[in-house]
Protein backbone atom coordinates (compact mmCIF):
# COMPACT_ATOMS: atom_id res chain seq x y z
CA MET A 1 78.42 81.51 85.01
CA PRO A 2 81.54 79.71 86.31
CA MET A 3 84.77 81.95 86.20
CA ILE A 4 88.65 81.39 86.94
CA ILE A 5 90.81 84.07 87.75
CA ALA A 6 94.20 82.72 87.07
CA PRO A 7 97.18 83.32 89.41
CA VAL A 8 99.05 85.70 87.11
CA ARG A 9 101.41 88.49 88.25
CA ASN A 10 99.15 91.37 86.84
CA LYS A 11 95.25 90.51 87.18
CA ASP A 12 93.10 92.89 85.05
CA TYR A 13 90.02 92.76 87.34
CA GLU A 14 88.11 95.21 84.91
CA LEU A 15 87.80 92.07 82.52
CA CYS A 16 85.43 90.72 84.84
CA GLY A 17 83.22 93.82 84.71
CA ASN A 18 81.43 94.11 88.17
CA ALA A 19 80.64 90.41 88.47
CA LEU A 20 83.14 90.11 91.26
CA GLY A 21 81.96 93.51 93.12
CA SER A 22 79.53 91.55 95.64
CA LEU A 23 82.19 88.92 96.53
CA TRP A 24 84.69 91.57 97.08
CA THR A 25 82.21 93.60 99.26
CA SER A 26 81.26 90.63 101.35
CA SER A 27 85.02 89.46 101.67
CA GLU A 28 86.04 92.62 103.23
CA GLN A 29 83.15 92.85 105.49
CA ALA A 30 83.86 89.17 106.54
CA ILE A 31 87.64 90.08 107.26
CA ALA A 32 86.48 93.35 109.10
CA GLU A 33 84.37 91.35 111.63
CA CYS A 34 86.20 87.83 111.85
CA SER A 35 88.04 86.97 114.91
CA GLU A 36 91.06 85.48 112.96
CA LEU A 37 92.12 85.14 109.29
CA VAL A 38 94.03 82.24 107.86
CA ILE A 39 95.73 82.91 104.71
CA ILE A 40 96.80 79.38 102.77
CA GLY A 41 98.36 79.29 99.60
CA CYS A 42 97.97 82.97 98.65
CA SER A 43 101.41 84.91 98.04
CA PHE A 44 99.80 88.39 97.78
CA PRO A 45 102.07 89.65 95.14
CA GLU A 46 102.60 93.49 95.13
CA THR A 47 101.05 93.68 91.86
CA ASP A 48 97.58 92.37 93.20
CA THR A 49 96.71 95.68 94.41
CA ARG A 50 92.92 94.81 94.54
CA ALA A 51 93.64 92.33 97.19
CA TRP A 52 95.89 94.34 99.14
CA ASP A 53 93.36 97.24 99.04
CA LEU A 54 90.72 94.82 100.44
CA LEU A 55 92.89 93.84 103.08
CA ASP A 56 94.03 97.56 104.03
CA LYS A 57 90.17 98.54 103.95
CA ALA A 58 89.00 95.57 106.03
CA ILE A 59 91.76 96.04 108.74
CA ALA A 60 91.23 99.92 108.80
CA ALA A 61 87.42 99.02 109.62
CA ARG A 62 88.13 96.84 112.36
CA GLU A 63 87.89 97.89 116.22
CA SER A 64 90.58 95.31 117.26
CA CYS A 65 93.78 94.01 116.12
CA LEU A 66 93.40 91.29 113.56
CA ASP A 67 95.10 87.64 114.31
CA ILE A 68 96.53 86.54 110.97
CA LYS A 69 97.46 82.76 110.78
CA LEU A 70 99.99 82.54 107.83
CA VAL A 71 100.28 78.87 106.69
CA ASP A 72 103.31 78.55 104.28
CA PRO A 73 106.18 76.15 104.06
CA TYR A 74 108.24 79.22 102.71
CA PRO A 75 106.71 82.19 104.35
CA ASP A 76 109.52 84.52 104.22
CA GLY A 77 108.49 86.75 101.29
CA LEU A 78 104.85 86.77 102.26
CA LEU A 79 105.75 87.67 105.85
CA ASN A 80 108.07 90.57 104.59
CA ARG A 81 105.28 91.88 102.30
CA MET A 82 102.70 91.79 105.06
CA ARG A 83 104.84 93.30 107.67
CA ASP A 84 105.66 96.11 105.41
CA ARG A 85 102.28 96.54 104.23
CA ILE A 86 100.27 96.13 107.50
CA GLY A 87 102.80 96.64 110.24
CA GLU A 88 101.61 96.61 113.78
CA ARG A 89 98.03 96.72 112.71
CA CYS A 90 97.68 92.92 112.94
CA ILE A 91 99.34 90.10 114.92
CA ILE A 92 100.91 87.76 112.45
CA ASP A 93 101.48 84.01 113.60
CA VAL A 94 103.59 82.03 110.91
CA HIS A 95 102.96 78.36 110.75
CA GLN A 96 105.91 77.20 108.28
CA CYS A 97 104.26 74.04 107.16
CA THR A 98 102.11 72.75 104.37
CA PHE A 99 98.08 72.93 104.54
CA GLU A 100 98.11 69.21 105.36
CA GLU A 101 100.64 69.66 108.26
CA PHE A 102 98.62 72.68 109.36
CA MET A 103 95.46 70.62 109.41
CA ASP A 104 97.00 67.60 111.32
CA ARG A 105 98.25 69.92 114.28
């Protein structure tokens, strides 16, 4: 069944029931095992507690530091939130550009 989770400040994941449970689990496992994570177009607002919890758990499960590539033409807000939340647990490489410019590089 198609589903859209709108980009709203306060997401109510409970409305979806457990329809996304396996997706969250596989995403957490993929982040725990990947060599790098590229974040494009996701602002990670503080109110998206489920996304932050997923990232926290995945980073905690890793055996090594995670290399995060942050692609955003205006990265300061997200960069500050990420530094506050994950601190030294990851290496954050900022690409201050659009997705198209990132792909052209």
